[in-house]
Amino acid sequence: MKLGAVIGRVTLSKVVPELIGARWLIVSPFTREHYQNGTETPLGLSKDPSLVVYDAIGGGVGQTIGYIEGREAAQPFEQSPPIDAINAALIDEIFYNPMK
């Protein structure tokens, strides 16, 4: 699972039947710098490319989420839909204590 910040939402005009009514989030993935800066400075956007994530648990803009990419993203469905990432967790807090 990877973590990222929700920076927007997507609305689709056409979709496969299994995903009608689905929510889609635009996510900026966290990098090492996000964890090292902590909450003292605004996180901002990642230098890594953003991605579109299927959301069934209610993530919103500004929230931190845990998402899964790849084949595992389609596992919750009976028939595998064409998705590459799924929201797996809404993150409340992150505790980062690197070993020195």
PDB file of N, CA and C in Angstrom:
ATOM      1  N   MET A   1       0.849  -1.167   0.000  1.00  0.00           N
ATOM      2  CA  MET A   1       0.000   0.000   0.000  1.00  0.00           C
ATOM      3  C   MET A   1       0.893   1.228   0.000  1.00  0.00           C
ATOM      4  N   LYS A   2       0.480   2.228  -0.752  1.00  0.00           N
ATOM      5  CA  LYS A   2       1.167   3.506  -0.817  1.00  0.00           C
ATOM      6  C   LYS A   2       0.252   4.584  -0.272  1.00  0.00           C
ATOM      7  N   LEU A   3       0.836   5.705   0.138  1.00  0.00           N
ATOM      8  CA  LEU A   3       0.055   6.822   0.647  1.00  0.00           C
ATOM      9  C   LEU A   3       0.121   7.987  -0.314  1.00  0.00           C
ATOM     10  N   GLY A   4      -0.947   8.789  -0.326  1.00  0.00           N
ATOM     11  CA  GLY A   4      -0.977   9.968  -1.177  1.00  0.00           C
ATOM     12  C   GLY A   4      -2.039  10.939  -0.722  1.00  0.00           C
ATOM     13  N   ALA A   5      -1.964  12.158  -1.247  1.00  0.00           N
ATOM     14  CA  ALA A   5      -2.929  13.202  -0.928  1.00  0.00           C
ATOM     15  C   ALA A   5      -3.923  13.334  -2.072  1.00  0.00           C
ATOM     16  N   VAL A   6      -5.201  13.416  -1.722  1.00  0.00           N
ATOM     17  CA  VAL A   6      -6.245  13.600  -2.728  1.00  0.00           C
ATOM     18  C   VAL A   6      -6.235  15.069  -3.141  1.00  0.00           C
ATOM     19  N   ILE A   7      -6.020  15.315  -4.438  1.00  0.00           N
ATOM     20  CA  ILE A   7      -5.934  16.692  -4.922  1.00  0.00           C
ATOM     21  C   ILE A   7      -7.084  17.061  -5.854  1.00  0.00           C
ATOM     22  N   GLY A   8      -7.974  16.123  -6.127  1.00  0.00           N
ATOM     23  CA  GLY A   8      -9.104  16.416  -6.991  1.00  0.00           C
ATOM     24  C   GLY A   8      -9.960  15.195  -7.242  1.00  0.00           C
ATOM     25  N   ARG A   9     -11.030  15.400  -8.043  1.00  0.00           N
ATOM     26  CA  ARG A   9     -11.922  14.299  -8.400  1.00  0.00           C
ATOM     27  C   ARG A   9     -12.111  14.276  -9.905  1.00  0.00           C
ATOM     28  N   VAL A  10     -12.529  13.136 -10.416  1.00  0.00           N
ATOM     29  CA  VAL A  10     -12.744  12.955 -11.847  1.00  0.00           C
ATOM     30  C   VAL A  10     -14.190  12.510 -12.058  1.00  0.00           C
ATOM     31  N   THR A  11     -14.813  13.031 -13.110  1.00  0.00           N
ATOM     32  CA  THR A  11     -16.145  12.582 -13.513  1.00  0.00           C
ATOM     33  C   THR A  11     -16.021  11.989 -14.906  1.00  0.00           C
ATOM     34  N   LEU A  12     -16.531  10.776 -15.069  1.00  0.00           N
ATOM     35  CA  LEU A  12     -16.456  10.093 -16.354  1.00  0.00           C
ATOM     36  C   LEU A  12     -17.794  10.188 -17.085  1.00  0.00           C
ATOM     37  N   SER A  13     -17.743  10.361 -18.393  1.00  0.00           N
ATOM     38  CA  SER A  13     -18.982  10.407 -19.173  1.00  0.00           C
ATOM     39  C   SER A  13     -19.395   9.020 -19.637  1.00  0.00           C
ATOM     40  N   LYS A  14     -18.422   8.110 -19.789  1.00  0.00           N
ATOM     41  CA  LYS A  14     -18.721   6.731 -20.167  1.00  0.00           C
ATOM     42  C   LYS A  14     -17.891   5.812 -19.274  1.00  0.00           C
ATOM     43  N   VAL A  15     -18.507   4.697 -18.886  1.00  0.00           N
ATOM     44  CA  VAL A  15     -17.836   3.787 -17.969  1.00  0.00           C
ATOM     45  C   VAL A  15     -18.363   2.370 -18.180  1.00  0.00           C
ATOM     46  N   VAL A  16     -17.558   1.367 -17.830  1.00  0.00           N
ATOM     47  CA  VAL A  16     -18.024  -0.013 -17.929  1.00  0.00           C
ATOM     48  C   VAL A  16     -19.141  -0.229 -16.904  1.00  0.00           C
ATOM     49  N   PRO A  17     -20.085  -1.128 -17.173  1.00  0.00           N
ATOM     50  CA  PRO A  17     -21.244  -1.307 -16.289  1.00  0.00           C
ATOM     51  C   PRO A  17     -20.898  -1.599 -14.830  1.00  0.00           C
ATOM     52  N   GLU A  18     -19.811  -2.329 -14.572  1.00  0.00           N
ATOM     53  CA  GLU A  18     -19.457  -2.668 -13.189  1.00  0.00           C
ATOM     54  C   GLU A  18     -19.083  -1.436 -12.366  1.00  0.00           C
ATOM     55  N   LEU A  19     -18.737  -0.343 -13.026  1.00  0.00           N
ATOM     56  CA  LEU A  19     -18.254   0.837 -12.307  1.00  0.00           C
ATOM     57  C   LEU A  19     -19.200   2.030 -12.381  1.00  0.00           C
ATOM     58  N   ILE A  20     -20.452   1.804 -12.795  1.00  0.00           N
ATOM     59  CA  ILE A  20     -21.421   2.899 -12.842  1.00  0.00           C
ATOM     60  C   ILE A  20     -21.642   3.424 -11.426  1.00  0.00           C
ATOM     61  N   GLY A  21     -21.579   4.733 -11.281  1.00  0.00           N
ATOM     62  CA  GLY A  21     -21.767   5.361  -9.977  1.00  0.00           C
ATOM     63  C   GLY A  21     -20.520   5.419  -9.129  1.00  0.00           C
ATOM     64  N   ALA A  22     -19.402   4.945  -9.638  1.00  0.00           N
ATOM     65  CA  ALA A  22     -18.154   4.944  -8.877  1.00  0.00           C
ATOM     66  C   ALA A  22     -17.612   6.357  -8.727  1.00  0.00           C
ATOM     67  N   ARG A  23     -16.811   6.548  -7.673  1.00  0.00           N
ATOM     68  CA  ARG A  23     -16.118   7.815  -7.457  1.00  0.00           C
ATOM     69  C   ARG A  23     -14.657   7.633  -7.848  1.00  0.00           C
ATOM     70  N   TRP A  24     -14.071   8.678  -8.393  1.00  0.00           N
ATOM     71  CA  TRP A  24     -12.682   8.638  -8.844  1.00  0.00           C
ATOM     72  C   TRP A  24     -11.940   9.827  -8.256  1.00  0.00           C
ATOM     73  N   LEU A  25     -10.790   9.569  -7.680  1.00  0.00           N
ATOM     74  CA  LEU A  25      -9.982  10.606  -7.039  1.00  0.00           C
ATOM     75  C   LEU A  25      -8.667  10.793  -7.786  1.00  0.00           C
ATOM     76  N   ILE A  26      -8.193  12.035  -7.846  1.00  0.00           N
ATOM     77  CA  ILE A  26      -6.859  12.313  -8.364  1.00  0.00           C
ATOM     78  C   ILE A  26      -5.944  12.378  -7.152  1.00  0.00           C
ATOM     79  N   VAL A  27      -4.890  11.562  -7.147  1.00  0.00           N
ATOM     80  CA  VAL A  27      -4.019  11.424  -5.980  1.00  0.00           C
ATOM     81  C   VAL A  27      -2.577  11.778  -6.335  1.00  0.00           C
ATOM     82  N   SER A  28      -1.976  12.593  -5.485  1.00  0.00           N
ATOM     83  CA  SER A  28      -0.555  12.914  -5.602  1.00  0.00           C
ATOM     84  C   SER A  28       0.178  12.007  -4.614  1.00  0.00           C
ATOM     85  N   PRO A  29       1.005  11.072  -5.095  1.00  0.00           N
ATOM     86  CA  PRO A  29       1.654  10.114  -4.190  1.00  0.00           C
ATOM     87  C   PRO A  29       2.689  10.779  -3.289  1.00  0.00           C
ATOM     88  N   PHE A  30       2.816  10.264  -2.079  1.00  0.00           N
ATOM     89  CA  PHE A  30       3.825  10.762  -1.145  1.00  0.00           C
ATOM     90  C   PHE A  30       5.201  10.254  -1.550  1.00  0.00           C
ATOM     91  N   THR A  31       6.193  11.074  -1.306  1.00  0.00           N
ATOM     92  CA  THR A  31       7.588  10.707  -1.518  1.00  0.00           C
ATOM     93  C   THR A  31       8.296  10.720  -0.167  1.00  0.00           C
ATOM     94  N   ARG A  32       9.541  10.373  -0.145  1.00  0.00           N
ATOM     95  CA  ARG A  32      10.319  10.369   1.094  1.00  0.00           C
ATOM     96  C   ARG A  32      10.297  11.753   1.765  1.00  0.00           C
ATOM     97  N   GLU A  33      10.344  12.812   0.959  1.00  0.00           N
ATOM     98  CA  GLU A  33      10.347  14.171   1.505  1.00  0.00           C
ATOM     99  C   GLU A  33       9.067  14.478   2.280  1.00  0.00           C
ATOM    100  N   HIS A  34       7.930  13.926   1.847  1.00  0.00           N
ATOM    101  CA  HIS A  34       6.679  14.150   2.561  1.00  0.00           C
ATOM    102  C   HIS A  34       6.763  13.628   3.997  1.00  0.00           C
ATOM    103  N   TYR A  35       7.369  12.483   4.176  1.00  0.00           N
ATOM    104  CA  TYR A  35       7.483  11.907   5.508  1.00  0.00           C
ATOM    105  C   TYR A  35       8.509  12.664   6.347  1.00  0.00           C
ATOM    106  N   GLN A  36       9.601  13.087   5.733  1.00  0.00           N
ATOM    107  CA  GLN A  36      10.650  13.787   6.470  1.00  0.00           C
ATOM    108  C   GLN A  36      10.211  15.181   6.907  1.00  0.00           C
ATOM    109  N   ASN A  37       9.389  15.868   6.106  1.00  0.00           N
ATOM    110  CA  ASN A  37       8.924  17.208   6.464  1.00  0.00           C
ATOM    111  C   ASN A  37       7.866  17.176   7.554  1.00  0.00           C
ATOM    112  N   GLY A  38       7.105  16.105   7.630  1.00  0.00           N
ATOM    113  CA  GLY A  38       6.063  15.990   8.656  1.00  0.00           C
ATOM    114  C   GLY A  38       4.977  17.025   8.461  1.00  0.00           C
ATOM    115  N   THR A  39       4.391  17.486   9.555  1.00  0.00           N
ATOM    116  CA  THR A  39       3.289  18.441   9.482  1.00  0.00           C
ATOM    117  C   THR A  39       3.761  19.879   9.646  1.00  0.00           C
ATOM    118  N   GLU A  40       5.061  20.090   9.783  1.00  0.00           N
ATOM    119  CA  GLU A  40       5.575  21.438   9.995  1.00  0.00           C
ATOM    120  C   GLU A  40       5.472  22.302   8.740  1.00  0.00           C
ATOM    121  N   THR A  41       5.557  21.703   7.573  1.00  0.00           N
ATOM    122  CA  THR A  41       5.457  22.456   6.326  1.00  0.00           C
ATOM    123  C   THR A  41       4.350  21.851   5.476  1.00  0.00           C
ATOM    124  N   PRO A  42       3.704  22.677   4.640  1.00  0.00           N
ATOM    125  CA  PRO A  42       2.663  22.131   3.769  1.00  0.00           C
ATOM    126  C   PRO A  42       3.253  21.085   2.824  1.00  0.00           C
ATOM    127  N   LEU A  43       2.504  20.038   2.582  1.00  0.00           N
ATOM    128  CA  LEU A  43       3.018  18.941   1.773  1.00  0.00           C
ATOM    129  C   LEU A  43       3.176  19.306   0.307  1.00  0.00           C
ATOM    130  N   GLY A  44       2.227  19.987  -0.267  1.00  0.00           N
ATOM    131  CA  GLY A  44       2.329  20.334  -1.674  1.00  0.00           C
ATOM    132  C   GLY A  44       2.202  19.120  -2.572  1.00  0.00           C
ATOM    133  N   LEU A  45       2.412  19.336  -3.848  1.00  0.00           N
ATOM    134  CA  LEU A  45       2.312  18.262  -4.823  1.00  0.00           C
ATOM    135  C   LEU A  45       3.616  17.507  -4.932  1.00  0.00           C
ATOM    136  N   SER A  46       3.496  16.251  -5.238  1.00  0.00           N
ATOM    137  CA  SER A  46       4.653  15.395  -5.428  1.00  0.00           C
ATOM    138  C   SER A  46       5.264  15.645  -6.801  1.00  0.00           C
ATOM    139  N   LYS A  47       6.548  15.368  -6.928  1.00  0.00           N
ATOM    140  CA  LYS A  47       7.201  15.442  -8.237  1.00  0.00           C
ATOM    141  C   LYS A  47       6.844  14.214  -9.078  1.00  0.00           C
ATOM    142  N   ASP A  48       6.380  13.158  -8.423  1.00  0.00           N
ATOM    143  CA  ASP A  48       5.935  11.965  -9.138  1.00  0.00           C
ATOM    144  C   ASP A  48       4.593  12.245  -9.812  1.00  0.00           C
ATOM    145  N   PRO A  49       4.277  11.540 -10.906  1.00  0.00           N
ATOM    146  CA  PRO A  49       3.000  11.777 -11.585  1.00  0.00           C
ATOM    147  C   PRO A  49       1.807  11.422 -10.706  1.00  0.00           C
ATOM    148  N   SER A  50       0.745  12.206 -10.831  1.00  0.00           N
ATOM    149  CA  SER A  50      -0.502  11.920 -10.121  1.00  0.00           C
ATOM    150  C   SER A  50      -1.197  10.740 -10.787  1.00  0.00           C
ATOM    151  N   LEU A  51      -2.136  10.129 -10.076  1.00  0.00           N
ATOM    152  CA  LEU A  51      -2.869   9.009 -10.641  1.00  0.00           C
ATOM    153  C   LEU A  51      -4.335   9.085 -10.261  1.00  0.00           C
ATOM    154  N   VAL A  52      -5.159   8.374 -11.025  1.00  0.00           N
ATOM    155  CA  VAL A  52      -6.596   8.312 -10.761  1.00  0.00           C
ATOM    156  C   VAL A  52      -6.873   7.029  -9.999  1.00  0.00           C
ATOM    157  N   VAL A  53      -7.601   7.146  -8.870  1.00  0.00           N
ATOM    158  CA  VAL A  53      -7.839   6.029  -7.961  1.00  0.00           C
ATOM    159  C   VAL A  53      -9.343   5.820  -7.796  1.00  0.00           C
ATOM    160  N   TYR A  54      -9.799   4.570  -7.927  1.00  0.00           N
ATOM    161  CA  TYR A  54     -11.197   4.205  -7.660  1.00  0.00           C
ATOM    162  C   TYR A  54     -11.444   4.328  -6.167  1.00  0.00           C
ATOM    163  N   ASP A  55     -12.579   4.924  -5.795  1.00  0.00           N
ATOM    164  CA  ASP A  55     -12.871   5.148  -4.376  1.00  0.00           C
ATOM    165  C   ASP A  55     -14.262   4.657  -4.019  1.00  0.00           C
ATOM    166  N   ALA A  56     -14.336   3.729  -3.081  1.00  0.00           N
ATOM    167  CA  ALA A  56     -15.625   3.223  -2.612  1.00  0.00           C
ATOM    168  C   ALA A  56     -15.823   3.506  -1.129  1.00  0.00           C
ATOM    169  N   ILE A  57     -14.868   4.198  -0.492  1.00  0.00           N
ATOM    170  CA  ILE A  57     -14.967   4.411   0.960  1.00  0.00           C
ATOM    171  C   ILE A  57     -15.063   5.879   1.353  1.00  0.00           C
ATOM    172  N   GLY A  58     -15.165   6.775   0.393  1.00  0.00           N
ATOM    173  CA  GLY A  58     -15.476   8.165   0.708  1.00  0.00           C
ATOM    174  C   GLY A  58     -14.310   9.097   0.937  1.00  0.00           C
ATOM    175  N   GLY A  59     -13.225   8.936   0.219  1.00  0.00           N
ATOM    176  CA  GLY A  59     -12.111   9.873   0.328  1.00  0.00           C
ATOM    177  C   GLY A  59     -12.484  11.211  -0.284  1.00  0.00           C
ATOM    178  N   GLY A  60     -11.944  12.284   0.274  1.00  0.00           N
ATOM    179  CA  GLY A  60     -12.260  13.611  -0.225  1.00  0.00           C
ATOM    180  C   GLY A  60     -11.009  14.433  -0.471  1.00  0.00           C
ATOM    181  N   VAL A  61     -11.184  15.529  -1.180  1.00  0.00           N
ATOM    182  CA  VAL A  61     -10.070  16.410  -1.501  1.00  0.00           C
ATOM    183  C   VAL A  61      -9.425  16.912  -0.206  1.00  0.00           C
ATOM    184  N   GLY A  62      -8.100  16.822  -0.152  1.00  0.00           N
ATOM    185  CA  GLY A  62      -7.343  17.252   1.022  1.00  0.00           C
ATOM    186  C   GLY A  62      -7.016  16.128   1.988  1.00  0.00           C
ATOM    187  N   GLN A  63      -7.633  14.973   1.835  1.00  0.00           N
ATOM    188  CA  GLN A  63      -7.379  13.850   2.730  1.00  0.00           C
ATOM    189  C   GLN A  63      -6.165  13.055   2.288  1.00  0.00           C
ATOM    190  N   THR A  64      -5.589  12.336   3.239  1.00  0.00           N
ATOM    191  CA  THR A  64      -4.533  11.382   2.952  1.00  0.00           C
ATOM    192  C   THR A  64      -5.175  10.008   2.863  1.00  0.00           C
ATOM    193  N   ILE A  65      -4.849   9.276   1.804  1.00  0.00           N
ATOM    194  CA  ILE A  65      -5.409   7.934   1.631  1.00  0.00           C
ATOM    195  C   ILE A  65      -4.292   6.918   1.430  1.00  0.00           C
ATOM    196  N   GLY A  66      -4.633   5.662   1.668  1.00  0.00           N
ATOM    197  CA  GLY A  66      -3.763   4.543   1.332  1.00  0.00           C
ATOM    198  C   GLY A  66      -4.362   3.855   0.125  1.00  0.00           C
ATOM    199  N   TYR A  67      -3.579   3.681  -0.913  1.00  0.00           N
ATOM    200  CA  TYR A  67      -4.106   3.076  -2.131  1.00  0.00           C
ATOM    201  C   TYR A  67      -3.236   1.902  -2.573  1.00  0.00           C
ATOM    202  N   ILE A  68      -3.862   1.020  -3.333  1.00  0.00           N
ATOM    203  CA  ILE A  68      -3.197  -0.173  -3.852  1.00  0.00           C
ATOM    204  C   ILE A  68      -3.226  -0.079  -5.375  1.00  0.00           C
ATOM    205  N   GLU A  69      -2.094  -0.391  -5.999  1.00  0.00           N
ATOM    206  CA  GLU A  69      -1.997  -0.347  -7.453  1.00  0.00           C
ATOM    207  C   GLU A  69      -1.837  -1.750  -8.030  1.00  0.00           C
ATOM    208  N   GLY A  70      -2.083  -1.851  -9.315  1.00  0.00           N
ATOM    209  CA  GLY A  70      -1.826  -3.101 -10.024  1.00  0.00           C
ATOM    210  C   GLY A  70      -3.003  -4.061  -9.990  1.00  0.00           C
ATOM    211  N   ARG A  71      -2.694  -5.307 -10.219  1.00  0.00           N
ATOM    212  CA  ARG A  71      -3.716  -6.347 -10.312  1.00  0.00           C
ATOM    213  C   ARG A  71      -4.540  -6.472  -9.030  1.00  0.00           C
ATOM    214  N   GLU A  72      -3.918  -6.222  -7.893  1.00  0.00           N
ATOM    215  CA  GLU A  72      -4.616  -6.337  -6.611  1.00  0.00           C
ATOM    216  C   GLU A  72      -5.767  -5.339  -6.487  1.00  0.00           C
ATOM    217  N   ALA A  73      -5.735  -4.247  -7.239  1.00  0.00           N
ATOM    218  CA  ALA A  73      -6.792  -3.241  -7.169  1.00  0.00           C
ATOM    219  C   ALA A  73      -8.139  -3.800  -7.617  1.00  0.00           C
ATOM    220  N   ALA A  74      -8.146  -4.788  -8.485  1.00  0.00           N
ATOM    221  CA  ALA A  74      -9.393  -5.363  -8.991  1.00  0.00           C
ATOM    222  C   ALA A  74      -9.892  -6.536  -8.146  1.00  0.00           C
ATOM    223  N   GLN A  75      -9.176  -6.948  -7.119  1.00  0.00           N
ATOM    224  CA  GLN A  75      -9.541  -8.109  -6.309  1.00  0.00           C
ATOM    225  C   GLN A  75     -10.901  -8.000  -5.601  1.00  0.00           C
ATOM    226  N   PRO A  76     -11.345  -6.807  -5.142  1.00  0.00           N
ATOM    227  CA  PRO A  76     -12.639  -6.763  -4.445  1.00  0.00           C
ATOM    228  C   PRO A  76     -13.856  -7.029  -5.331  1.00  0.00           C
ATOM    229  N   PHE A  77     -13.692  -7.085  -6.628  1.00  0.00           N
ATOM    230  CA  PHE A  77     -14.810  -7.244  -7.552  1.00  0.00           C
ATOM    231  C   PHE A  77     -14.943  -8.694  -8.002  1.00  0.00           C
ATOM    232  N   GLU A  78     -16.193  -9.124  -8.256  1.00  0.00           N
ATOM    233  CA  GLU A  78     -16.420 -10.485  -8.751  1.00  0.00           C
ATOM    234  C   GLU A  78     -15.803 -10.666 -10.133  1.00  0.00           C
ATOM    235  N   GLN A  79     -16.048  -9.714 -11.026  1.00  0.00           N
ATOM    236  CA  GLN A  79     -15.422  -9.719 -12.343  1.00  0.00           C
ATOM    237  C   GLN A  79     -14.458  -8.547 -12.390  1.00  0.00           C
ATOM    238  N   SER A  80     -13.227  -8.792 -12.769  1.00  0.00           N
ATOM    239  CA  SER A  80     -12.188  -7.770 -12.735  1.00  0.00           C
ATOM    240  C   SER A  80     -12.489  -6.613 -13.686  1.00  0.00           C
ATOM    241  N   PRO A  81     -12.750  -5.412 -13.140  1.00  0.00           N
ATOM    242  CA  PRO A  81     -12.962  -4.246 -13.997  1.00  0.00           C
ATOM    243  C   PRO A  81     -11.612  -3.649 -14.404  1.00  0.00           C
ATOM    244  N   PRO A  82     -11.608  -2.784 -15.384  1.00  0.00           N
ATOM    245  CA  PRO A  82     -10.351  -2.187 -15.840  1.00  0.00           C
ATOM    246  C   PRO A  82      -9.916  -1.013 -14.956  1.00  0.00           C
ATOM    247  N   ILE A  83      -9.399  -1.310 -13.767  1.00  0.00           N
ATOM    248  CA  ILE A  83      -8.879  -0.265 -12.885  1.00  0.00           C
ATOM    249  C   ILE A  83      -7.433  -0.588 -12.519  1.00  0.00           C
ATOM    250  N   ASP A  84      -6.665   0.460 -12.250  1.00  0.00           N
ATOM    251  CA  ASP A  84      -5.250   0.299 -11.919  1.00  0.00           C
ATOM    252  C   ASP A  84      -4.937   0.615 -10.469  1.00  0.00           C
ATOM    253  N   ALA A  85      -5.847   1.325  -9.771  1.00  0.00           N
ATOM    254  CA  ALA A  85      -5.594   1.685  -8.373  1.00  0.00           C
ATOM    255  C   ALA A  85      -6.922   1.813  -7.633  1.00  0.00           C
ATOM    256  N   ILE A  86      -6.911   1.423  -6.346  1.00  0.00           N
ATOM    257  CA  ILE A  86      -8.117   1.482  -5.530  1.00  0.00           C
ATOM    258  C   ILE A  86      -7.772   2.051  -4.160  1.00  0.00           C
ATOM    259  N   ASN A  87      -8.670   2.876  -3.630  1.00  0.00           N
ATOM    260  CA  ASN A  87      -8.507   3.444  -2.298  1.00  0.00           C
ATOM    261  C   ASN A  87      -8.780   2.347  -1.274  1.00  0.00           C
ATOM    262  N   ALA A  88      -7.792   2.072  -0.415  1.00  0.00           N
ATOM    263  CA  ALA A  88      -7.927   0.998   0.563  1.00  0.00           C
ATOM    264  C   ALA A  88      -8.057   1.511   1.987  1.00  0.00           C
ATOM    265  N   ALA A  89      -7.700   2.780   2.253  1.00  0.00           N
ATOM    266  CA  ALA A  89      -7.731   3.284   3.624  1.00  0.00           C
ATOM    267  C   ALA A  89      -7.790   4.801   3.643  1.00  0.00           C
ATOM    268  N   LEU A  90      -8.502   5.341   4.642  1.00  0.00           N
ATOM    269  CA  LEU A  90      -8.483   6.770   4.924  1.00  0.00           C
ATOM    270  C   LEU A  90      -7.536   6.964   6.098  1.00  0.00           C
ATOM    271  N   ILE A  91      -6.492   7.750   5.934  1.00  0.00           N
ATOM    272  CA  ILE A  91      -5.436   7.896   6.937  1.00  0.00           C
ATOM    273  C   ILE A  91      -5.707   9.114   7.813  1.00  0.00           C
ATOM    274  N   ASP A  92      -5.724   8.908   9.131  1.00  0.00           N
ATOM    275  CA  ASP A  92      -5.923  10.013  10.069  1.00  0.00           C
ATOM    276  C   ASP A  92      -4.605  10.679  10.445  1.00  0.00           C
ATOM    277  N   GLU A  93      -3.616   9.880  10.820  1.00  0.00           N
ATOM    278  CA  GLU A  93      -2.327  10.414  11.247  1.00  0.00           C
ATOM    279  C   GLU A  93      -1.200   9.525  10.742  1.00  0.00           C
ATOM    280  N   ILE A  94      -0.044  10.143  10.566  1.00  0.00           N
ATOM    281  CA  ILE A  94       1.154   9.404  10.183  1.00  0.00           C
ATOM    282  C   ILE A  94       2.220   9.689  11.229  1.00  0.00           C
ATOM    283  N   PHE A  95       2.783   8.635  11.797  1.00  0.00           N
ATOM    284  CA  PHE A  95       3.877   8.773  12.742  1.00  0.00           C
ATOM    285  C   PHE A  95       5.145   8.243  12.069  1.00  0.00           C
ATOM    286  N   TYR A  96       6.115   9.112  11.925  1.00  0.00           N
ATOM    287  CA  TYR A  96       7.342   8.740  11.235  1.00  0.00           C
ATOM    288  C   TYR A  96       8.519   9.007  12.169  1.00  0.00           C
ATOM    289  N   ASN A  97       9.206   7.968  12.578  1.00  0.00           N
ATOM    290  CA  ASN A  97      10.363   8.058  13.455  1.00  0.00           C
ATOM    291  C   ASN A  97      11.534   7.304  12.825  1.00  0.00           C
ATOM    292  N   PRO A  98      12.312   8.002  11.987  1.00  0.00           N
ATOM    293  CA  PRO A  98      13.426   7.293  11.330  1.00  0.00           C
ATOM    294  C   PRO A  98      14.491   6.894  12.336  1.00  0.00           C
ATOM    295  N   MET A  99      15.136   5.780  12.063  1.00  0.00           N
ATOM    296  CA  MET A  99      16.224   5.319  12.916  1.00  0.00           C
ATOM    297  C   MET A  99      17.449   6.177  12.636  1.00  0.00           C
ATOM    298  N   LYS A 100      18.144   6.580  13.698  1.00  0.00           N
ATOM    299  CA  LYS A 100      19.324   7.426  13.524  1.00  0.00           C
ATOM    300  C   LYS A 100      20.580   6.677  13.810  1.00  0.00           C
TER     301      LYS A 100
END
